[in-house]
Amino acid sequence: MEERYNIEEIINSLDGIQRAEPQPFLFTRIMGRMRKEEKTFDQVLYKLITRPALVLAIGCFFIGLNTYFIVDRLENSNPIVDNSQPLAAEYNPQHINPYEEPNELP
């Protein structure tokens, strides 16, 4: 047995219906998503390199690298001992330094 509804009952069933209300801040969230743009590589890179932790880490890396090279240069900077002059003086009978001006002209 099927119950048949009267047209009046169907129309009267709509009497208590209220307008649907959206959730709070729904409009704000929708507008935020609409305004959100695709971020380009430049924007992502700029955001990444402006972070203080990254800037500090890069700065410390270069300071450490420079310190390493300076210390390495100081440790390996032994004065060069030039033993060629005494050896050359042995073969020069007059013991004249070729880089100095002679005191007497021959």
PDB file of N, CA and C in Angstrom:
ATOM      1  N   MET A   1       0.825  -1.175   0.000  1.00  0.00           N
ATOM      2  CA  MET A   1       0.000   0.000   0.000  1.00  0.00           C
ATOM      3  C   MET A   1       0.864   1.231   0.000  1.00  0.00           C
ATOM      4  N   GLU A   2       0.634   1.958  -0.976  1.00  0.00           N
ATOM      5  CA  GLU A   2       1.360   3.223  -1.085  1.00  0.00           C
ATOM      6  C   GLU A   2       0.540   4.336  -0.470  1.00  0.00           C
ATOM      7  N   GLU A   3       1.262   5.125   0.266  1.00  0.00           N
ATOM      8  CA  GLU A   3       0.568   6.292   0.792  1.00  0.00           C
ATOM      9  C   GLU A   3       0.744   7.417  -0.192  1.00  0.00           C
ATOM     10  N   ARG A   4      -0.283   8.046  -0.461  1.00  0.00           N
ATOM     11  CA  ARG A   4      -0.222   9.186  -1.366  1.00  0.00           C
ATOM     12  C   ARG A   4      -0.345  10.437  -0.525  1.00  0.00           C
ATOM     13  N   TYR A   5       0.579  11.343  -0.824  1.00  0.00           N
ATOM     14  CA  TYR A   5       0.559  12.601  -0.086  1.00  0.00           C
ATOM     15  C   TYR A   5      -0.317  13.595  -0.805  1.00  0.00           C
ATOM     16  N   ASN A   6      -0.952  14.278  -0.053  1.00  0.00           N
ATOM     17  CA  ASN A   6      -1.807  15.331  -0.547  1.00  0.00           C
ATOM     18  C   ASN A   6      -0.948  16.515  -0.941  1.00  0.00           C
ATOM     19  N   ILE A   7      -1.285  17.240  -1.948  1.00  0.00           N
ATOM     20  CA  ILE A   7      -0.520  18.412  -2.408  1.00  0.00           C
ATOM     21  C   ILE A   7      -0.424  19.437  -1.289  1.00  0.00           C
ATOM     22  N   GLU A   8      -1.436  19.584  -0.510  1.00  0.00           N
ATOM     23  CA  GLU A   8      -1.412  20.547   0.585  1.00  0.00           C
ATOM     24  C   GLU A   8      -0.357  20.142   1.622  1.00  0.00           C
ATOM     25  N   GLU A   9      -0.215  18.886   1.913  1.00  0.00           N
ATOM     26  CA  GLU A   9       0.768  18.428   2.871  1.00  0.00           C
ATOM     27  C   GLU A   9       2.185  18.698   2.367  1.00  0.00           C
ATOM     28  N   ILE A  10       2.406  18.495   1.093  1.00  0.00           N
ATOM     29  CA  ILE A  10       3.734  18.743   0.510  1.00  0.00           C
ATOM     30  C   ILE A  10       4.067  20.219   0.590  1.00  0.00           C
ATOM     31  N   ILE A  11       3.153  21.080   0.257  1.00  0.00           N
ATOM     32  CA  ILE A  11       3.396  22.531   0.291  1.00  0.00           C
ATOM     33  C   ILE A  11       3.581  22.991   1.734  1.00  0.00           C
ATOM     34  N   ASN A  12       2.829  22.469   2.653  1.00  0.00           N
ATOM     35  CA  ASN A  12       2.936  22.868   4.057  1.00  0.00           C
ATOM     36  C   ASN A  12       4.237  22.354   4.698  1.00  0.00           C
ATOM     37  N   SER A  13       4.828  21.348   4.144  1.00  0.00           N
ATOM     38  CA  SER A  13       6.082  20.844   4.701  1.00  0.00           C
ATOM     39  C   SER A  13       7.233  21.836   4.507  1.00  0.00           C
ATOM     40  N   LEU A  14       7.108  22.734   3.597  1.00  0.00           N
ATOM     41  CA  LEU A  14       8.146  23.743   3.341  1.00  0.00           C
ATOM     42  C   LEU A  14       8.001  24.974   4.233  1.00  0.00           C
ATOM     43  N   ASP A  15       7.003  25.027   5.071  1.00  0.00           N
ATOM     44  CA  ASP A  15       6.751  26.213   5.903  1.00  0.00           C
ATOM     45  C   ASP A  15       7.854  26.444   6.938  1.00  0.00           C
ATOM     46  N   GLY A  16       8.454  25.443   7.518  1.00  0.00           N
ATOM     47  CA  GLY A  16       9.444  25.608   8.571  1.00  0.00           C
ATOM     48  C   GLY A  16      10.878  25.729   8.067  1.00  0.00           C
ATOM     49  N   ILE A  17      11.075  25.768   6.790  1.00  0.00           N
ATOM     50  CA  ILE A  17      12.427  25.828   6.232  1.00  0.00           C
ATOM     51  C   ILE A  17      12.999  27.225   6.400  1.00  0.00           C
ATOM     52  N   GLN A  18      14.284  27.267   6.840  1.00  0.00           N
ATOM     53  CA  GLN A  18      14.990  28.544   6.971  1.00  0.00           C
ATOM     54  C   GLN A  18      16.083  28.609   5.912  1.00  0.00           C
ATOM     55  N   ARG A  19      16.560  29.798   5.717  1.00  0.00           N
ATOM     56  CA  ARG A  19      17.638  29.994   4.746  1.00  0.00           C
ATOM     57  C   ARG A  19      18.918  29.353   5.292  1.00  0.00           C
ATOM     58  N   ALA A  20      19.679  28.706   4.428  1.00  0.00           N
ATOM     59  CA  ALA A  20      20.932  28.055   4.835  1.00  0.00           C
ATOM     60  C   ALA A  20      21.977  29.130   5.133  1.00  0.00           C
ATOM     61  N   GLU A  21      22.674  28.962   6.244  1.00  0.00           N
ATOM     62  CA  GLU A  21      23.717  29.896   6.651  1.00  0.00           C
ATOM     63  C   GLU A  21      25.076  29.221   6.460  1.00  0.00           C
ATOM     64  N   PRO A  22      26.044  29.957   5.889  1.00  0.00           N
ATOM     65  CA  PRO A  22      27.381  29.361   5.706  1.00  0.00           C
ATOM     66  C   PRO A  22      28.125  29.309   7.046  1.00  0.00           C
ATOM     67  N   GLN A  23      29.186  28.521   7.066  1.00  0.00           N
ATOM     68  CA  GLN A  23      30.019  28.450   8.252  1.00  0.00           C
ATOM     69  C   GLN A  23      30.716  29.786   8.454  1.00  0.00           C
ATOM     70  N   PRO A  24      31.110  30.086   9.683  1.00  0.00           N
ATOM     71  CA  PRO A  24      31.823  31.351   9.918  1.00  0.00           C
ATOM     72  C   PRO A  24      33.127  31.406   9.111  1.00  0.00           C
ATOM     73  N   PHE A  25      33.451  32.561   8.599  1.00  0.00           N
ATOM     74  CA  PHE A  25      34.672  32.851   7.845  1.00  0.00           C
ATOM     75  C   PHE A  25      34.781  32.068   6.532  1.00  0.00           C
ATOM     76  N   LEU A  26      33.674  31.532   6.047  1.00  0.00           N
ATOM     77  CA  LEU A  26      33.704  30.811   4.781  1.00  0.00           C
ATOM     78  C   LEU A  26      34.076  31.759   3.636  1.00  0.00           C
ATOM     79  N   PHE A  27      33.474  32.936   3.635  1.00  0.00           N
ATOM     80  CA  PHE A  27      33.772  33.907   2.575  1.00  0.00           C
ATOM     81  C   PHE A  27      35.248  34.308   2.600  1.00  0.00           C
ATOM     82  N   THR A  28      35.801  34.499   3.790  1.00  0.00           N
ATOM     83  CA  THR A  28      37.209  34.878   3.913  1.00  0.00           C
ATOM     84  C   THR A  28      38.117  33.779   3.369  1.00  0.00           C
ATOM     85  N   ARG A  29      37.802  32.528   3.677  1.00  0.00           N
ATOM     86  CA  ARG A  29      38.617  31.418   3.180  1.00  0.00           C
ATOM     87  C   ARG A  29      38.518  31.285   1.663  1.00  0.00           C
ATOM     88  N   ILE A  30      37.333  31.468   1.129  1.00  0.00           N
ATOM     89  CA  ILE A  30      37.164  31.375  -0.330  1.00  0.00           C
ATOM     90  C   ILE A  30      37.940  32.487  -1.020  1.00  0.00           C
ATOM     91  N   MET A  31      37.846  33.708  -0.503  1.00  0.00           N
ATOM     92  CA  MET A  31      38.567  34.834  -1.110  1.00  0.00           C
ATOM     93  C   MET A  31      40.078  34.638  -0.988  1.00  0.00           C
ATOM     94  N   GLY A  32      40.521  34.079   0.121  1.00  0.00           N
ATOM     95  CA  GLY A  32      41.949  33.814   0.296  1.00  0.00           C
ATOM     96  C   GLY A  32      42.465  32.820  -0.735  1.00  0.00           C
ATOM     97  N   ARG A  33      41.690  31.779  -0.994  1.00  0.00           N
ATOM     98  CA  ARG A  33      42.099  30.806  -2.009  1.00  0.00           C
ATOM     99  C   ARG A  33      42.069  31.392  -3.406  1.00  0.00           C
ATOM    100  N   MET A  34      41.130  32.279  -3.644  1.00  0.00           N
ATOM    101  CA  MET A  34      41.057  32.900  -4.977  1.00  0.00           C
ATOM    102  C   MET A  34      42.229  33.849  -5.200  1.00  0.00           C
ATOM    103  N   ARG A  35      42.636  34.530  -4.141  1.00  0.00           N
ATOM    104  CA  ARG A  35      43.741  35.494  -4.277  1.00  0.00           C
ATOM    105  C   ARG A  35      45.110  34.828  -4.252  1.00  0.00           C
ATOM    106  N   LYS A  36      45.155  33.611  -3.747  1.00  0.00           N
ATOM    107  CA  LYS A  36      46.427  32.911  -3.664  1.00  0.00           C
ATOM    108  C   LYS A  36      46.933  32.645  -5.075  1.00  0.00           C
ATOM    109  N   GLU A  37      48.148  33.097  -5.326  1.00  0.00           N
ATOM    110  CA  GLU A  37      48.734  32.937  -6.643  1.00  0.00           C
ATOM    111  C   GLU A  37      49.757  31.819  -6.617  1.00  0.00           C
ATOM    112  N   GLU A  38      50.026  31.288  -7.756  1.00  0.00           N
ATOM    113  CA  GLU A  38      51.103  30.313  -7.871  1.00  0.00           C
ATOM    114  C   GLU A  38      52.417  31.040  -7.632  1.00  0.00           C
ATOM    115  N   LYS A  39      53.232  30.502  -6.759  1.00  0.00           N
ATOM    116  CA  LYS A  39      54.504  31.148  -6.459  1.00  0.00           C
ATOM    117  C   LYS A  39      55.531  30.753  -7.504  1.00  0.00           C
ATOM    118  N   THR A  40      56.244  31.734  -8.000  1.00  0.00           N
ATOM    119  CA  THR A  40      57.274  31.471  -8.997  1.00  0.00           C
ATOM    120  C   THR A  40      58.561  31.039  -8.298  1.00  0.00           C
ATOM    121  N   PHE A  41      59.484  30.543  -9.086  1.00  0.00           N
ATOM    122  CA  PHE A  41      60.771  30.101  -8.544  1.00  0.00           C
ATOM    123  C   PHE A  41      61.499  31.257  -7.879  1.00  0.00           C
ATOM    124  N   ASP A  42      61.422  32.448  -8.469  1.00  0.00           N
ATOM    125  CA  ASP A  42      62.091  33.615  -7.893  1.00  0.00           C
ATOM    126  C   ASP A  42      61.543  33.945  -6.506  1.00  0.00           C
ATOM    127  N   GLN A  43      60.224  33.869  -6.350  1.00  0.00           N
ATOM    128  CA  GLN A  43      59.630  34.180  -5.054  1.00  0.00           C
ATOM    129  C   GLN A  43      60.028  33.156  -4.003  1.00  0.00           C
ATOM    130  N   VAL A  44      60.048  31.895  -4.387  1.00  0.00           N
ATOM    131  CA  VAL A  44      60.442  30.844  -3.440  1.00  0.00           C
ATOM    132  C   VAL A  44      61.903  31.010  -3.055  1.00  0.00           C
ATOM    133  N   LEU A  45      62.762  31.299  -4.039  1.00  0.00           N
ATOM    134  CA  LEU A  45      64.188  31.488  -3.766  1.00  0.00           C
ATOM    135  C   LEU A  45      64.414  32.699  -2.867  1.00  0.00           C
ATOM    136  N   TYR A  46      63.732  33.801  -3.140  1.00  0.00           N
ATOM    137  CA  TYR A  46      63.878  35.009  -2.325  1.00  0.00           C
ATOM    138  C   TYR A  46      63.442  34.733  -0.890  1.00  0.00           C
ATOM    139  N   LYS A  47      62.334  34.003  -0.728  1.00  0.00           N
ATOM    140  CA  LYS A  47      61.855  33.683   0.609  1.00  0.00           C
ATOM    141  C   LYS A  47      62.851  32.788   1.339  1.00  0.00           C
ATOM    142  N   LEU A  48      63.485  31.872   0.607  1.00  0.00           N
ATOM    143  CA  LEU A  48      64.435  30.957   1.215  1.00  0.00           C
ATOM    144  C   LEU A  48      65.716  31.675   1.654  1.00  0.00           C
ATOM    145  N   ILE A  49      66.272  32.542   0.788  1.00  0.00           N
ATOM    146  CA  ILE A  49      67.554  33.165   1.113  1.00  0.00           C
ATOM    147  C   ILE A  49      67.423  34.314   2.100  1.00  0.00           C
ATOM    148  N   THR A  50      66.213  34.751   2.394  1.00  0.00           N
ATOM    149  CA  THR A  50      66.060  35.825   3.381  1.00  0.00           C
ATOM    150  C   THR A  50      65.786  35.290   4.777  1.00  0.00           C
ATOM    151  N   ARG A  51      65.832  33.995   4.944  1.00  0.00           N
ATOM    152  CA  ARG A  51      65.657  33.429   6.284  1.00  0.00           C
ATOM    153  C   ARG A  51      66.938  33.661   7.090  1.00  0.00           C
ATOM    154  N   PRO A  52      66.811  34.178   8.303  1.00  0.00           N
ATOM    155  CA  PRO A  52      67.997  34.490   9.107  1.00  0.00           C
ATOM    156  C   PRO A  52      68.884  33.284   9.392  1.00  0.00           C
ATOM    157  N   ALA A  53      68.304  32.121   9.607  1.00  0.00           N
ATOM    158  CA  ALA A  53      69.111  30.939   9.911  1.00  0.00           C
ATOM    159  C   ALA A  53      69.992  30.565   8.726  1.00  0.00           C
ATOM    160  N   LEU A  54      69.454  30.657   7.524  1.00  0.00           N
ATOM    161  CA  LEU A  54      70.235  30.317   6.333  1.00  0.00           C
ATOM    162  C   LEU A  54      71.341  31.345   6.103  1.00  0.00           C
ATOM    163  N   VAL A  55      71.022  32.611   6.275  1.00  0.00           N
ATOM    164  CA  VAL A  55      72.029  33.664   6.104  1.00  0.00           C
ATOM    165  C   VAL A  55      73.157  33.487   7.126  1.00  0.00           C
ATOM    166  N   LEU A  56      72.806  33.163   8.350  1.00  0.00           N
ATOM    167  CA  LEU A  56      73.809  32.947   9.398  1.00  0.00           C
ATOM    168  C   LEU A  56      74.675  31.734   9.074  1.00  0.00           C
ATOM    169  N   ALA A  57      74.062  30.670   8.595  1.00  0.00           N
ATOM    170  CA  ALA A  57      74.820  29.460   8.257  1.00  0.00           C
ATOM    171  C   ALA A  57      75.793  29.722   7.104  1.00  0.00           C
ATOM    172  N   ILE A  58      75.350  30.433   6.078  1.00  0.00           N
ATOM    173  CA  ILE A  58      76.228  30.744   4.946  1.00  0.00           C
ATOM    174  C   ILE A  58      77.365  31.659   5.400  1.00  0.00           C
ATOM    175  N   GLY A  59      77.051  32.645   6.229  1.00  0.00           N
ATOM    176  CA  GLY A  59      78.090  33.535   6.743  1.00  0.00           C
ATOM    177  C   GLY A  59      79.132  32.785   7.555  1.00  0.00           C
ATOM    178  N   CYS A  60      78.687  31.886   8.421  1.00  0.00           N
ATOM    179  CA  CYS A  60      79.629  31.090   9.223  1.00  0.00           C
ATOM    180  C   CYS A  60      80.473  30.179   8.335  1.00  0.00           C
ATOM    181  N   PHE A  61      79.875  29.647   7.278  1.00  0.00           N
ATOM    182  CA  PHE A  61      80.621  28.788   6.356  1.00  0.00           C
ATOM    183  C   PHE A  61      81.760  29.560   5.706  1.00  0.00           C
ATOM    184  N   PHE A  62      81.482  30.770   5.214  1.00  0.00           N
ATOM    185  CA  PHE A  62      82.531  31.539   4.551  1.00  0.00           C
ATOM    186  C   PHE A  62      83.582  32.041   5.536  1.00  0.00           C
ATOM    187  N   ILE A  63      83.182  32.396   6.733  1.00  0.00           N
ATOM    188  CA  ILE A  63      84.165  32.809   7.745  1.00  0.00           C
ATOM    189  C   ILE A  63      85.070  31.633   8.094  1.00  0.00           C
ATOM    190  N   GLY A  64      84.484  30.449   8.257  1.00  0.00           N
ATOM    191  CA  GLY A  64      85.285  29.257   8.540  1.00  0.00           C
ATOM    192  C   GLY A  64      86.216  28.905   7.399  1.00  0.00           C
ATOM    193  N   LEU A  65      85.740  29.036   6.172  1.00  0.00           N
ATOM    194  CA  LEU A  65      86.570  28.755   5.003  1.00  0.00           C
ATOM    195  C   LEU A  65      87.750  29.722   4.924  1.00  0.00           C
ATOM    196  N   ASN A  66      87.495  30.992   5.150  1.00  0.00           N
ATOM    197  CA  ASN A  66      88.574  31.977   5.136  1.00  0.00           C
ATOM    198  C   ASN A  66      89.574  31.718   6.261  1.00  0.00           C
ATOM    199  N   THR A  67      89.078  31.367   7.441  1.00  0.00           N
ATOM    200  CA  THR A  67      89.971  31.065   8.561  1.00  0.00           C
ATOM    201  C   THR A  67      90.860  29.869   8.239  1.00  0.00           C
ATOM    202  N   TYR A  68      90.280  28.844   7.625  1.00  0.00           N
ATOM    203  CA  TYR A  68      91.059  27.670   7.246  1.00  0.00           C
ATOM    204  C   TYR A  68      92.194  28.049   6.302  1.00  0.00           C
ATOM    205  N   PHE A  69      91.897  28.832   5.276  1.00  0.00           N
ATOM    206  CA  PHE A  69      92.926  29.202   4.307  1.00  0.00           C
ATOM    207  C   PHE A  69      93.995  30.101   4.919  1.00  0.00           C
ATOM    208  N   ILE A  70      93.610  30.991   5.822  1.00  0.00           N
ATOM    209  CA  ILE A  70      94.595  31.868   6.468  1.00  0.00           C
ATOM    210  C   ILE A  70      95.520  31.056   7.364  1.00  0.00           C
ATOM    211  N   VAL A  71      94.949  30.154   8.166  1.00  0.00           N
ATOM    212  CA  VAL A  71      95.772  29.331   9.057  1.00  0.00           C
ATOM    213  C   VAL A  71      96.672  28.413   8.236  1.00  0.00           C
ATOM    214  N   ASP A  72      96.155  27.851   7.177  1.00  0.00           N
ATOM    215  CA  ASP A  72      96.950  26.973   6.317  1.00  0.00           C
ATOM    216  C   ASP A  72      98.111  27.732   5.689  1.00  0.00           C
ATOM    217  N   ARG A  73      97.866  28.958   5.276  1.00  0.00           N
ATOM    218  CA  ARG A  73      98.930  29.756   4.671  1.00  0.00           C
ATOM    219  C   ARG A  73      99.989  30.122   5.705  1.00  0.00           C
ATOM    220  N   LEU A  74      99.561  30.434   6.933  1.00  0.00           N
ATOM    221  CA  LEU A  74     100.525  30.785   7.974  1.00  0.00           C
ATOM    222  C   LEU A  74     101.382  29.585   8.370  1.00  0.00           C
ATOM    223  N   GLU A  75     100.792  28.397   8.398  1.00  0.00           N
ATOM    224  CA  GLU A  75     101.563  27.205   8.749  1.00  0.00           C
ATOM    225  C   GLU A  75     102.546  26.813   7.658  1.00  0.00           C
ATOM    226  N   ASN A  76     102.216  27.056   6.419  1.00  0.00           N
ATOM    227  CA  ASN A  76     103.063  26.641   5.303  1.00  0.00           C
ATOM    228  C   ASN A  76     103.933  27.761   4.752  1.00  0.00           C
ATOM    229  N   SER A  77     104.016  28.870   5.445  1.00  0.00           N
ATOM    230  CA  SER A  77     104.797  29.990   4.924  1.00  0.00           C
ATOM    231  C   SER A  77     106.197  30.006   5.537  1.00  0.00           C
ATOM    232  N   ASN A  78     106.941  28.954   5.363  1.00  0.00           N
ATOM    233  CA  ASN A  78     108.327  28.909   5.826  1.00  0.00           C
ATOM    234  C   ASN A  78     109.164  29.808   4.926  1.00  0.00           C
ATOM    235  N   PRO A  79     110.074  30.573   5.525  1.00  0.00           N
ATOM    236  CA  PRO A  79     110.907  31.426   4.669  1.00  0.00           C
ATOM    237  C   PRO A  79     111.779  30.555   3.762  1.00  0.00           C
ATOM    238  N   ILE A  80     111.898  30.985   2.551  1.00  0.00           N
ATOM    239  CA  ILE A  80     112.708  30.246   1.583  1.00  0.00           C
ATOM    240  C   ILE A  80     114.174  30.556   1.850  1.00  0.00           C
ATOM    241  N   VAL A  81     114.921  29.521   2.095  1.00  0.00           N
ATOM    242  CA  VAL A  81     116.343  29.677   2.358  1.00  0.00           C
ATOM    243  C   VAL A  81     117.054  29.617   1.011  1.00  0.00           C
ATOM    244  N   ASP A  82     117.755  30.703   0.713  1.00  0.00           N
ATOM    245  CA  ASP A  82     118.457  30.780  -0.573  1.00  0.00           C
ATOM    246  C   ASP A  82     119.931  30.450  -0.330  1.00  0.00           C
ATOM    247  N   ASN A  83     120.305  29.258  -0.687  1.00  0.00           N
ATOM    248  CA  ASN A  83     121.687  28.814  -0.507  1.00  0.00           C
ATOM    249  C   ASN A  83     122.523  29.026  -1.758  1.00  0.00           C
ATOM    250  N   SER A  84     121.980  29.684  -2.742  1.00  0.00           N
ATOM    251  CA  SER A  84     122.717  29.840  -3.999  1.00  0.00           C
ATOM    252  C   SER A  84     123.798  30.918  -3.907  1.00  0.00           C
ATOM    253  N   GLN A  85     123.629  31.933  -3.083  1.00  0.00           N
ATOM    254  CA  GLN A  85     124.631  32.987  -3.002  1.00  0.00           C
ATOM    255  C   GLN A  85     125.960  32.503  -2.411  1.00  0.00           C
ATOM    256  N   PRO A  86     125.969  31.768  -1.318  1.00  0.00           N
ATOM    257  CA  PRO A  86     127.274  31.281  -0.825  1.00  0.00           C
ATOM    258  C   PRO A  86     127.932  30.342  -1.827  1.00  0.00           C
ATOM    259  N   LEU A  87     127.142  29.562  -2.514  1.00  0.00           N
ATOM    260  CA  LEU A  87     127.700  28.662  -3.505  1.00  0.00           C
ATOM    261  C   LEU A  87     128.306  29.450  -4.662  1.00  0.00           C
ATOM    262  N   ALA A  88     127.638  30.498  -5.087  1.00  0.00           N
ATOM    263  CA  ALA A  88     128.166  31.316  -6.170  1.00  0.00           C
ATOM    264  C   ALA A  88     129.415  32.072  -5.724  1.00  0.00           C
ATOM    265  N   ALA A  89     129.482  32.451  -4.450  1.00  0.00           N
ATOM    266  CA  ALA A  89     130.647  33.182  -3.961  1.00  0.00           C
ATOM    267  C   ALA A  89     131.889  32.305  -3.959  1.00  0.00           C
ATOM    268  N   GLU A  90     131.701  31.004  -3.806  1.00  0.00           N
ATOM    269  CA  GLU A  90     132.856  30.114  -3.833  1.00  0.00           C
ATOM    270  C   GLU A  90     133.506  30.080  -5.214  1.00  0.00           C
ATOM    271  N   TYR A  91     132.719  30.226  -6.252  1.00  0.00           N
ATOM    272  CA  TYR A  91     133.256  30.165  -7.611  1.00  0.00           C
ATOM    273  C   TYR A  91     133.705  31.511  -8.130  1.00  0.00           C
ATOM    274  N   ASN A  92     133.408  32.572  -7.443  1.00  0.00           N
ATOM    275  CA  ASN A  92     133.843  33.892  -7.850  1.00  0.00           C
ATOM    276  C   ASN A  92     135.131  34.211  -7.085  1.00  0.00           C
ATOM    277  N   PRO A  93     136.228  34.324  -7.766  1.00  0.00           N
ATOM    278  CA  PRO A  93     137.494  34.533  -7.050  1.00  0.00           C
ATOM    279  C   PRO A  93     137.553  35.863  -6.311  1.00  0.00           C
ATOM    280  N   GLN A  94     136.856  36.864  -6.780  1.00  0.00           N
ATOM    281  CA  GLN A  94     136.933  38.172  -6.116  1.00  0.00           C
ATOM    282  C   GLN A  94     135.827  38.347  -5.082  1.00  0.00           C
ATOM    283  N   HIS A  95     134.964  37.406  -4.954  1.00  0.00           N
ATOM    284  CA  HIS A  95     133.845  37.444  -4.021  1.00  0.00           C
ATOM    285  C   HIS A  95     133.015  38.714  -4.191  1.00  0.00           C
ATOM    286  N   ILE A  96     132.713  39.016  -5.407  1.00  0.00           N
ATOM    287  CA  ILE A  96     131.897  40.193  -5.703  1.00  0.00           C
ATOM    288  C   ILE A  96     130.454  39.734  -5.906  1.00  0.00           C
ATOM    289  N   ASN A  97     129.566  40.425  -5.262  1.00  0.00           N
ATOM    290  CA  ASN A  97     128.150  40.121  -5.437  1.00  0.00           C
ATOM    291  C   ASN A  97     127.715  40.724  -6.762  1.00  0.00           C
ATOM    292  N   PRO A  98     127.189  39.955  -7.691  1.00  0.00           N
ATOM    293  CA  PRO A  98     126.822  40.522  -9.000  1.00  0.00           C
ATOM    294  C   PRO A  98     125.657  41.499  -8.928  1.00  0.00           C
ATOM    295  N   TYR A  99     124.944  41.522  -7.812  1.00  0.00           N
ATOM    296  CA  TYR A  99     123.786  42.405  -7.693  1.00  0.00           C
ATOM    297  C   TYR A  99     124.141  43.737  -7.052  1.00  0.00           C
ATOM    298  N   GLU A 100     125.326  43.861  -6.570  1.00  0.00           N
ATOM    299  CA  GLU A 100     125.759  45.126  -5.986  1.00  0.00           C
ATOM    300  C   GLU A 100     126.664  45.850  -6.984  1.00  0.00           C
ATOM    301  N   GLU A 101     126.678  47.166  -6.838  1.00  0.00           N
ATOM    302  CA  GLU A 101     127.567  47.939  -7.698  1.00  0.00           C
ATOM    303  C   GLU A 101     128.996  47.782  -7.207  1.00  0.00           C
ATOM    304  N   PRO A 102     129.919  47.637  -8.080  1.00  0.00           N
ATOM    305  CA  PRO A 102     131.305  47.503  -7.620  1.00  0.00           C
ATOM    306  C   PRO A 102     131.828  48.826  -7.030  1.00  0.00           C
ATOM    307  N   ASN A 103     132.654  48.704  -5.999  1.00  0.00           N
ATOM    308  CA  ASN A 103     133.222  49.891  -5.348  1.00  0.00           C
ATOM    309  C   ASN A 103     134.307  50.509  -6.232  1.00  0.00           C
ATOM    310  N   GLU A 104     135.025  49.658  -6.888  1.00  0.00           N
ATOM    311  CA  GLU A 104     136.095  50.169  -7.721  1.00  0.00           C
ATOM    312  C   GLU A 104     135.866  49.714  -9.155  1.00  0.00           C
ATOM    313  N   LEU A 105     136.133  50.594 -10.054  1.00  0.00           N
ATOM    314  CA  LEU A 105     136.043  50.235 -11.461  1.00  0.00           C
ATOM    315  C   LEU A 105     137.347  49.625 -11.902  1.00  0.00           C
ATOM    316  N   PRO A 106     137.384  48.549 -12.668  1.00  0.00           N
ATOM    317  CA  PRO A 106     138.663  47.961 -13.097  1.00  0.00           C
ATOM    318  C   PRO A 106     139.378  48.782 -14.109  1.00  0.00           C
TER     319      PRO A 106
END
